Protein backbone atom coordinates (compact mmCIF):
# COMPACT_ATOMS: atom_id res chain seq x y z
CA LEU A 1 186.90 11.61 -136.58
CA GLY A 2 183.28 10.41 -136.98
CA THR A 3 182.95 8.95 -133.49
CA THR A 4 180.37 10.20 -131.23
CA GLY A 5 181.78 10.94 -127.69
CA ALA A 6 180.96 12.46 -124.52
CA VAL A 7 181.44 16.05 -123.20
CA LEU A 8 183.90 16.21 -120.35
CA PRO A 9 182.53 17.63 -117.25
CA GLY A 10 183.30 21.39 -116.92
CA SER A 11 184.76 21.51 -120.45
CA SER A 12 181.86 23.26 -122.14
CA LEU A 13 182.03 26.94 -122.79
CA VAL A 14 179.36 29.02 -124.38
CA SER A 15 180.48 32.45 -125.70
CA GLY A 16 178.24 35.20 -127.32
CA ASN A 17 181.16 37.50 -127.82
CA THR A 18 182.08 38.69 -131.30
CA VAL A 19 185.83 39.14 -130.29
CA PRO A 20 188.29 36.58 -129.76
CA GLN A 21 188.94 35.34 -126.22
CA SER A 22 191.83 33.59 -124.26
CA GLN A 23 190.17 31.09 -121.88
CA VAL A 24 191.76 28.42 -119.70
CA LEU A 25 189.42 25.51 -118.75
CA THR A 26 190.53 23.17 -115.83
CA LEU A 27 189.23 19.72 -116.31
CA ASN A 28 188.59 17.39 -113.33
CA LYS A 29 186.38 14.64 -112.33
CA TYR A 30 186.71 13.12 -115.80
CA GLU A 31 187.13 9.54 -114.65
CA SER A 32 183.47 8.86 -115.38
CA VAL A 33 184.21 9.38 -119.01
CA PHE A 34 187.16 7.12 -119.36
CA THR A 35 185.54 3.78 -118.40
CA SER A 36 188.09 1.26 -119.64
CA ASP A 37 191.76 0.85 -120.55
CA GLY A 38 193.03 1.65 -123.88
CA ARG A 39 193.54 4.43 -126.26
CA TRP A 40 191.29 7.55 -125.93
CA THR A 41 191.19 10.84 -127.75
CA ILE A 42 190.45 14.17 -126.33
CA GLU A 43 189.25 16.86 -129.04
CA LEU A 44 188.65 20.54 -128.85
CA LEU A 45 185.80 21.47 -130.94
CA ALA A 46 184.10 24.65 -131.90
CA LEU A 47 180.44 24.96 -133.03
CA THR A 48 180.00 27.75 -135.43
CA PRO A 49 177.12 28.75 -137.72
CA PHE A 50 179.12 26.81 -140.47
CA GLY A 51 179.23 23.64 -138.61
CA ILE A 52 181.57 21.83 -136.09
CA ASP A 53 185.27 22.55 -136.46
CA ARG A 54 187.98 20.22 -134.98
CA LEU A 55 190.49 22.75 -133.50
CA ALA A 56 192.98 20.32 -131.69
CA PHE A 57 193.15 16.88 -130.49
CA VAL A 58 195.37 14.59 -128.28
CA SER A 59 195.40 10.63 -128.17
CA PHE A 60 196.74 9.00 -125.06
CA ASP A 61 196.77 5.42 -123.58
CA ILE A 62 195.11 4.44 -120.19
CA ASN A 63 196.57 1.41 -118.54
CA ARG A 64 195.27 0.84 -114.92
CA THR A 65 197.16 -2.36 -114.42
CA ILE A 66 199.71 -2.55 -111.71
CA GLN A 67 202.42 -5.22 -111.90
CA VAL A 68 204.48 -6.12 -108.89
CA ASN A 69 207.74 -8.30 -109.15
CA GLY A 70 208.95 -9.87 -106.02
CA SER A 71 210.64 -12.79 -104.45
CA VAL A 72 210.95 -14.44 -101.05
CA THR A 73 214.29 -15.65 -99.87
CA THR A 74 216.07 -16.93 -96.52
CA ILE A 75 219.52 -16.62 -95.18
CA GLU A 76 219.92 -20.28 -94.77
């Protein structure tokens, strides 16, 4: 909370309806937003006439390091 973030591409939905809706948004091409390793949080926000409400969030860790363990041996 309190941190300014970026909008994920394709995740913004504007609705002028006055009745509740069930909507599924498929997010892709979001690697431009997650520019470094570490802990990230995605929030679901709703902009209402009363302000911005945080509806849900999920935090996760990104670690792009690949570790390879190996050895070289001979039969002799």
